[in-house]
Amino acid sequence: MCKFCENIGIGFPDWNFLPEEDSDIVPSGIKIEIRKITDNNALVFTNSAGEYGAGALNINYCPICGRKLV
């Protein structure tokens, strides 16, 4: 088990990359997590500046260490 797959969250995360101090700055950031969505493990990701929106891929194994996700 690695740090990437040891804490699997539930549902879609609430990512907010907009800086609070200056709303004129373009939001940027990238995140990827393993989450449990409707009893399936999924790799949930977003992209920089929210250009395309979030996505999710169903997975059975951790992409970093290869551990089978239960």
PDB file of N, CA and C in Angstrom:
ATOM      1  N   MET A   1       0.858  -1.172   0.000  1.00  0.00           N
ATOM      2  CA  MET A   1       0.000   0.000   0.000  1.00  0.00           C
ATOM      3  C   MET A   1       0.906   1.237   0.000  1.00  0.00           C
ATOM      4  N   CYS A   2       0.561   2.205  -0.834  1.00  0.00           N
ATOM      5  CA  CYS A   2       1.338   3.437  -0.915  1.00  0.00           C
ATOM      6  C   CYS A   2       0.510   4.616  -0.397  1.00  0.00           C
ATOM      7  N   LYS A   3       1.114   5.788  -0.328  1.00  0.00           N
ATOM      8  CA  LYS A   3       0.409   6.978   0.161  1.00  0.00           C
ATOM      9  C   LYS A   3      -0.744   7.372  -0.752  1.00  0.00           C
ATOM     10  N   PHE A   4      -0.655   7.006  -2.033  1.00  0.00           N
ATOM     11  CA  PHE A   4      -1.699   7.370  -2.987  1.00  0.00           C
ATOM     12  C   PHE A   4      -2.991   6.590  -2.729  1.00  0.00           C
ATOM     13  N   CYS A   5      -2.881   5.330  -2.315  1.00  0.00           N
ATOM     14  CA  CYS A   5      -4.088   4.503  -2.172  1.00  0.00           C
ATOM     15  C   CYS A   5      -4.461   4.181  -0.731  1.00  0.00           C
ATOM     16  N   GLU A   6      -3.756   4.729   0.262  1.00  0.00           N
ATOM     17  CA  GLU A   6      -4.077   4.365   1.640  1.00  0.00           C
ATOM     18  C   GLU A   6      -5.329   5.052   2.177  1.00  0.00           C
ATOM     19  N   ASN A   7      -5.690   6.221   1.682  1.00  0.00           N
ATOM     20  CA  ASN A   7      -6.885   6.929   2.146  1.00  0.00           C
ATOM     21  C   ASN A   7      -7.829   7.170   0.976  1.00  0.00           C
ATOM     22  N   ILE A   8      -8.674   6.214   0.698  1.00  0.00           N
ATOM     23  CA  ILE A   8      -9.613   6.335  -0.418  1.00  0.00           C
ATOM     24  C   ILE A   8     -10.845   7.085   0.069  1.00  0.00           C
ATOM     25  N   GLY A   9     -11.166   8.199  -0.594  1.00  0.00           N
ATOM     26  CA  GLY A   9     -12.317   9.011  -0.220  1.00  0.00           C
ATOM     27  C   GLY A   9     -13.605   8.467  -0.818  1.00  0.00           C
ATOM     28  N   ILE A  10     -14.718   9.098  -0.488  1.00  0.00           N
ATOM     29  CA  ILE A  10     -16.031   8.684  -0.984  1.00  0.00           C
ATOM     30  C   ILE A  10     -16.640   9.834  -1.768  1.00  0.00           C
ATOM     31  N   GLY A  11     -17.159   9.545  -2.957  1.00  0.00           N
ATOM     32  CA  GLY A  11     -17.827  10.552  -3.780  1.00  0.00           C
ATOM     33  C   GLY A  11     -16.852  11.480  -4.479  1.00  0.00           C
ATOM     34  N   PHE A  12     -17.402  12.404  -5.251  1.00  0.00           N
ATOM     35  CA  PHE A  12     -16.566  13.368  -5.961  1.00  0.00           C
ATOM     36  C   PHE A  12     -16.030  14.411  -4.990  1.00  0.00           C
ATOM     37  N   PRO A  13     -14.746  14.746  -5.093  1.00  0.00           N
ATOM     38  CA  PRO A  13     -14.181  15.768  -4.206  1.00  0.00           C
ATOM     39  C   PRO A  13     -14.650  17.162  -4.595  1.00  0.00           C
ATOM     40  N   ASP A  14     -14.552  18.087  -3.660  1.00  0.00           N
ATOM     41  CA  ASP A  14     -14.912  19.482  -3.910  1.00  0.00           C
ATOM     42  C   ASP A  14     -13.620  20.284  -4.018  1.00  0.00           C
ATOM     43  N   TRP A  15     -13.086  20.367  -5.236  1.00  0.00           N
ATOM     44  CA  TRP A  15     -11.837  21.082  -5.461  1.00  0.00           C
ATOM     45  C   TRP A  15     -12.141  22.518  -5.828  1.00  0.00           C
ATOM     46  N   ASN A  16     -11.474  23.449  -5.191  1.00  0.00           N
ATOM     47  CA  ASN A  16     -11.637  24.864  -5.496  1.00  0.00           C
ATOM     48  C   ASN A  16     -10.244  25.470  -5.635  1.00  0.00           C
ATOM     49  N   PHE A  17      -9.863  25.838  -6.857  1.00  0.00           N
ATOM     50  CA  PHE A  17      -8.532  26.375  -7.112  1.00  0.00           C
ATOM     51  C   PHE A  17      -8.526  27.892  -7.234  1.00  0.00           C
ATOM     52  N   LEU A  18      -9.669  28.547  -7.047  1.00  0.00           N
ATOM     53  CA  LEU A  18      -9.740  29.998  -7.186  1.00  0.00           C
ATOM     54  C   LEU A  18      -9.139  30.663  -5.948  1.00  0.00           C
ATOM     55  N   PRO A  19      -8.125  31.497  -6.124  1.00  0.00           N
ATOM     56  CA  PRO A  19      -7.551  32.194  -4.962  1.00  0.00           C
ATOM     57  C   PRO A  19      -8.571  33.145  -4.350  1.00  0.00           C
ATOM     58  N   GLU A  20      -8.679  33.148  -3.029  1.00  0.00           N
ATOM     59  CA  GLU A  20      -9.671  33.987  -2.356  1.00  0.00           C
ATOM     60  C   GLU A  20      -9.296  35.462  -2.367  1.00  0.00           C
ATOM     61  N   GLU A  21      -7.998  35.766  -2.381  1.00  0.00           N
ATOM     62  CA  GLU A  21      -7.584  37.154  -2.256  1.00  0.00           C
ATOM     63  C   GLU A  21      -7.732  37.960  -3.543  1.00  0.00           C
ATOM     64  N   ASP A  22      -7.699  37.322  -4.703  1.00  0.00           N
ATOM     65  CA  ASP A  22      -7.785  38.074  -5.958  1.00  0.00           C
ATOM     66  C   ASP A  22      -8.588  37.267  -6.969  1.00  0.00           C
ATOM     67  N   SER A  23      -9.807  37.657  -7.212  1.00  0.00           N
ATOM     68  CA  SER A  23     -10.670  36.901  -8.121  1.00  0.00           C
ATOM     69  C   SER A  23     -10.319  37.126  -9.585  1.00  0.00           C
ATOM     70  N   ASP A  24      -9.396  38.066  -9.894  1.00  0.00           N
ATOM     71  CA  ASP A  24      -8.983  38.299 -11.278  1.00  0.00           C
ATOM     72  C   ASP A  24      -7.956  37.280 -11.761  1.00  0.00           C
ATOM     73  N   ILE A  25      -7.354  36.551 -10.838  1.00  0.00           N
ATOM     74  CA  ILE A  25      -6.350  35.557 -11.210  1.00  0.00           C
ATOM     75  C   ILE A  25      -7.057  34.316 -11.752  1.00  0.00           C
ATOM     76  N   VAL A  26      -6.525  33.776 -12.848  1.00  0.00           N
ATOM     77  CA  VAL A  26      -7.092  32.556 -13.427  1.00  0.00           C
ATOM     78  C   VAL A  26      -6.805  31.396 -12.481  1.00  0.00           C
ATOM     79  N   PRO A  27      -7.814  30.613 -12.128  1.00  0.00           N
ATOM     80  CA  PRO A  27      -7.578  29.485 -11.229  1.00  0.00           C
ATOM     81  C   PRO A  27      -6.706  28.436 -11.908  1.00  0.00           C
ATOM     82  N   SER A  28      -5.811  27.851 -11.157  1.00  0.00           N
ATOM     83  CA  SER A  28      -4.985  26.792 -11.723  1.00  0.00           C
ATOM     84  C   SER A  28      -4.718  25.749 -10.652  1.00  0.00           C
ATOM     85  N   GLY A  29      -4.552  24.552 -11.083  1.00  0.00           N
ATOM     86  CA  GLY A  29      -4.266  23.455 -10.181  1.00  0.00           C
ATOM     87  C   GLY A  29      -4.601  22.143 -10.843  1.00  0.00           C
ATOM     88  N   ILE A  30      -4.003  21.100 -10.350  1.00  0.00           N
ATOM     89  CA  ILE A  30      -4.292  19.772 -10.869  1.00  0.00           C
ATOM     90  C   ILE A  30      -4.320  18.824  -9.674  1.00  0.00           C
ATOM     91  N   LYS A  31      -5.297  17.964  -9.625  1.00  0.00           N
ATOM     92  CA  LYS A  31      -5.439  17.006  -8.532  1.00  0.00           C
ATOM     93  C   LYS A  31      -5.854  15.671  -9.134  1.00  0.00           C
ATOM     94  N   ILE A  32      -5.447  14.609  -8.469  1.00  0.00           N
ATOM     95  CA  ILE A  32      -5.876  13.266  -8.843  1.00  0.00           C
ATOM     96  C   ILE A  32      -5.968  12.451  -7.558  1.00  0.00           C
ATOM     97  N   GLU A  33      -7.062  11.719  -7.386  1.00  0.00           N
ATOM     98  CA  GLU A  33      -7.294  10.929  -6.172  1.00  0.00           C
ATOM     99  C   GLU A  33      -8.031   9.648  -6.537  1.00  0.00           C
ATOM    100  N   ILE A  34      -7.886   8.648  -5.681  1.00  0.00           N
ATOM    101  CA  ILE A  34      -8.715   7.450  -5.786  1.00  0.00           C
ATOM    102  C   ILE A  34      -9.911   7.671  -4.883  1.00  0.00           C
ATOM    103  N   ARG A  35     -11.118   7.524  -5.424  1.00  0.00           N
ATOM    104  CA  ARG A  35     -12.357   7.729  -4.668  1.00  0.00           C
ATOM    105  C   ARG A  35     -13.285   6.545  -4.903  1.00  0.00           C
ATOM    106  N   LYS A  36     -14.144   6.270  -3.947  1.00  0.00           N
ATOM    107  CA  LYS A  36     -15.159   5.227  -4.094  1.00  0.00           C
ATOM    108  C   LYS A  36     -16.452   5.910  -4.508  1.00  0.00           C
ATOM    109  N   ILE A  37     -16.931   5.583  -5.715  1.00  0.00           N
ATOM    110  CA  ILE A  37     -18.141   6.185  -6.270  1.00  0.00           C
ATOM    111  C   ILE A  37     -19.088   5.053  -6.643  1.00  0.00           C
ATOM    112  N   THR A  38     -20.255   5.036  -6.050  1.00  0.00           N
ATOM    113  CA  THR A  38     -21.270   3.985  -6.241  1.00  0.00           C
ATOM    114  C   THR A  38     -20.656   2.586  -6.149  1.00  0.00           C
ATOM    115  N   ASP A  39     -19.932   2.343  -5.073  1.00  0.00           N
ATOM    116  CA  ASP A  39     -19.281   1.061  -4.772  1.00  0.00           C
ATOM    117  C   ASP A  39     -18.244   0.634  -5.797  1.00  0.00           C
ATOM    118  N   ASN A  40     -17.742   1.557  -6.610  1.00  0.00           N
ATOM    119  CA  ASN A  40     -16.658   1.278  -7.548  1.00  0.00           C
ATOM    120  C   ASN A  40     -15.499   2.210  -7.233  1.00  0.00           C
ATOM    121  N   ASN A  41     -14.286   1.676  -7.317  1.00  0.00           N
ATOM    122  CA  ASN A  41     -13.107   2.519  -7.145  1.00  0.00           C
ATOM    123  C   ASN A  41     -12.853   3.256  -8.447  1.00  0.00           C
ATOM    124  N   ALA A  42     -12.580   4.545  -8.347  1.00  0.00           N
ATOM    125  CA  ALA A  42     -12.366   5.363  -9.538  1.00  0.00           C
ATOM    126  C   ALA A  42     -11.184   6.293  -9.319  1.00  0.00           C
ATOM    127  N   LEU A  43     -10.463   6.543 -10.392  1.00  0.00           N
ATOM    128  CA  LEU A  43      -9.409   7.534 -10.409  1.00  0.00           C
ATOM    129  C   LEU A  43     -10.063   8.832 -10.847  1.00  0.00           C
ATOM    130  N   VAL A  44     -10.200   9.785  -9.927  1.00  0.00           N
ATOM    131  CA  VAL A  44     -10.894  11.050 -10.198  1.00  0.00           C
ATOM    132  C   VAL A  44      -9.842  12.129 -10.388  1.00  0.00           C
ATOM    133  N   PHE A  45      -9.993  12.918 -11.442  1.00  0.00           N
ATOM    134  CA  PHE A  45      -8.974  13.920 -11.746  1.00  0.00           C
ATOM    135  C   PHE A  45      -9.601  15.203 -12.265  1.00  0.00           C
ATOM    136  N   THR A  46      -8.842  16.266 -12.175  1.00  0.00           N
ATOM    137  CA  THR A  46      -9.217  17.548 -12.746  1.00  0.00           C
ATOM    138  C   THR A  46      -8.012  18.081 -13.497  1.00  0.00           C
ATOM    139  N   ASN A  47      -8.191  19.189 -14.187  1.00  0.00           N
ATOM    140  CA  ASN A  47      -7.074  19.752 -14.933  1.00  0.00           C
ATOM    141  C   ASN A  47      -6.818  21.182 -14.498  1.00  0.00           C
ATOM    142  N   SER A  48      -5.792  21.768 -15.025  1.00  0.00           N
ATOM    143  CA  SER A  48      -5.430  23.135 -14.689  1.00  0.00           C
ATOM    144  C   SER A  48      -6.442  24.113 -15.251  1.00  0.00           C
ATOM    145  N   ALA A  49      -6.823  25.084 -14.463  1.00  0.00           N
ATOM    146  CA  ALA A  49      -7.706  26.191 -14.847  1.00  0.00           C
ATOM    147  C   ALA A  49      -9.125  25.761 -15.165  1.00  0.00           C
ATOM    148  N   GLY A  50      -9.491  24.536 -14.896  1.00  0.00           N
ATOM    149  CA  GLY A  50     -10.863  24.094 -15.114  1.00  0.00           C
ATOM    150  C   GLY A  50     -11.311  24.178 -16.556  1.00  0.00           C
ATOM    151  N   GLU A  51     -10.392  24.014 -17.509  1.00  0.00           N
ATOM    152  CA  GLU A  51     -10.726  24.160 -18.920  1.00  0.00           C
ATOM    153  C   GLU A  51     -11.648  23.060 -19.419  1.00  0.00           C
ATOM    154  N   TYR A  52     -11.490  21.853 -18.909  1.00  0.00           N
ATOM    155  CA  TYR A  52     -12.260  20.731 -19.421  1.00  0.00           C
ATOM    156  C   TYR A  52     -13.151  20.073 -18.387  1.00  0.00           C
ATOM    157  N   GLY A  53     -13.005  20.387 -17.131  1.00  0.00           N
ATOM    158  CA  GLY A  53     -13.815  19.762 -16.098  1.00  0.00           C
ATOM    159  C   GLY A  53     -13.174  18.499 -15.565  1.00  0.00           C
ATOM    160  N   ALA A  54     -13.805  17.929 -14.581  1.00  0.00           N
ATOM    161  CA  ALA A  54     -13.275  16.730 -13.927  1.00  0.00           C
ATOM    162  C   ALA A  54     -13.646  15.487 -14.710  1.00  0.00           C
ATOM    163  N   GLY A  55     -12.934  14.417 -14.457  1.00  0.00           N
ATOM    164  CA  GLY A  55     -13.213  13.140 -15.091  1.00  0.00           C
ATOM    165  C   GLY A  55     -12.998  12.025 -14.094  1.00  0.00           C
ATOM    166  N   ALA A  56     -13.434  10.832 -14.450  1.00  0.00           N
ATOM    167  CA  ALA A  56     -13.260   9.677 -13.571  1.00  0.00           C
ATOM    168  C   ALA A  56     -13.112   8.419 -14.410  1.00  0.00           C
ATOM    169  N   LEU A  57     -12.235   7.528 -13.980  1.00  0.00           N
ATOM    170  CA  LEU A  57     -12.021   6.241 -14.627  1.00  0.00           C
ATOM    171  C   LEU A  57     -12.160   5.154 -13.572  1.00  0.00           C
ATOM    172  N   ASN A  58     -12.941   4.122 -13.834  1.00  0.00           N
ATOM    173  CA  ASN A  58     -13.041   2.999 -12.906  1.00  0.00           C
ATOM    174  C   ASN A  58     -11.740   2.208 -12.952  1.00  0.00           C
ATOM    175  N   ILE A  59     -11.217   1.867 -11.771  1.00  0.00           N
ATOM    176  CA  ILE A  59      -9.966   1.115 -11.682  1.00  0.00           C
ATOM    177  C   ILE A  59     -10.124  -0.011 -10.672  1.00  0.00           C
ATOM    178  N   ASN A  60      -9.317  -1.062 -10.821  1.00  0.00           N
ATOM    179  CA  ASN A  60      -9.306  -2.179  -9.880  1.00  0.00           C
ATOM    180  C   ASN A  60      -8.010  -2.249  -9.083  1.00  0.00           C
ATOM    181  N   TYR A  61      -6.955  -1.597  -9.586  1.00  0.00           N
ATOM    182  CA  TYR A  61      -5.644  -1.645  -8.957  1.00  0.00           C
ATOM    183  C   TYR A  61      -5.091  -0.230  -8.823  1.00  0.00           C
ATOM    184  N   CYS A  62      -4.285  -0.009  -7.803  1.00  0.00           N
ATOM    185  CA  CYS A  62      -3.629   1.285  -7.620  1.00  0.00           C
ATOM    186  C   CYS A  62      -2.630   1.485  -8.761  1.00  0.00           C
ATOM    187  N   PRO A  63      -2.669   2.633  -9.448  1.00  0.00           N
ATOM    188  CA  PRO A  63      -1.737   2.854 -10.554  1.00  0.00           C
ATOM    189  C   PRO A  63      -0.292   3.075 -10.093  1.00  0.00           C
ATOM    190  N   ILE A  64      -0.069   3.319  -8.810  1.00  0.00           N
ATOM    191  CA  ILE A  64       1.281   3.556  -8.305  1.00  0.00           C
ATOM    192  C   ILE A  64       1.930   2.265  -7.806  1.00  0.00           C
ATOM    193  N   CYS A  65       1.270   1.551  -6.894  1.00  0.00           N
ATOM    194  CA  CYS A  65       1.892   0.368  -6.285  1.00  0.00           C
ATOM    195  C   CYS A  65       1.321  -0.957  -6.786  1.00  0.00           C
ATOM    196  N   GLY A  66       0.206  -0.938  -7.500  1.00  0.00           N
ATOM    197  CA  GLY A  66      -0.364  -2.163  -8.051  1.00  0.00           C
ATOM    198  C   GLY A  66      -1.244  -2.948  -7.099  1.00  0.00           C
ATOM    199  N   ARG A  67      -1.517  -2.413  -5.912  1.00  0.00           N
ATOM    200  CA  ARG A  67      -2.360  -3.116  -4.938  1.00  0.00           C
ATOM    201  C   ARG A  67      -3.783  -3.239  -5.457  1.00  0.00           C
ATOM    202  N   LYS A  68      -4.398  -4.419  -5.274  1.00  0.00           N
ATOM    203  CA  LYS A  68      -5.799  -4.607  -5.657  1.00  0.00           C
ATOM    204  C   LYS A  68      -6.672  -3.807  -4.704  1.00  0.00           C
ATOM    205  N   LEU A  69      -7.543  -2.967  -5.261  1.00  0.00           N
ATOM    206  CA  LEU A  69      -8.439  -2.144  -4.454  1.00  0.00           C
ATOM    207  C   LEU A  69      -9.706  -2.931  -4.167  1.00  0.00           C
ATOM    208  N   VAL A  70     -10.107  -2.991  -2.921  1.00  0.00           N
ATOM    209  CA  VAL A  70     -11.257  -3.799  -2.527  1.00  0.00           C
ATOM    210  C   VAL A  70     -12.477  -2.939  -2.383  1.00  0.00           C
TER     211      VAL A  70
END
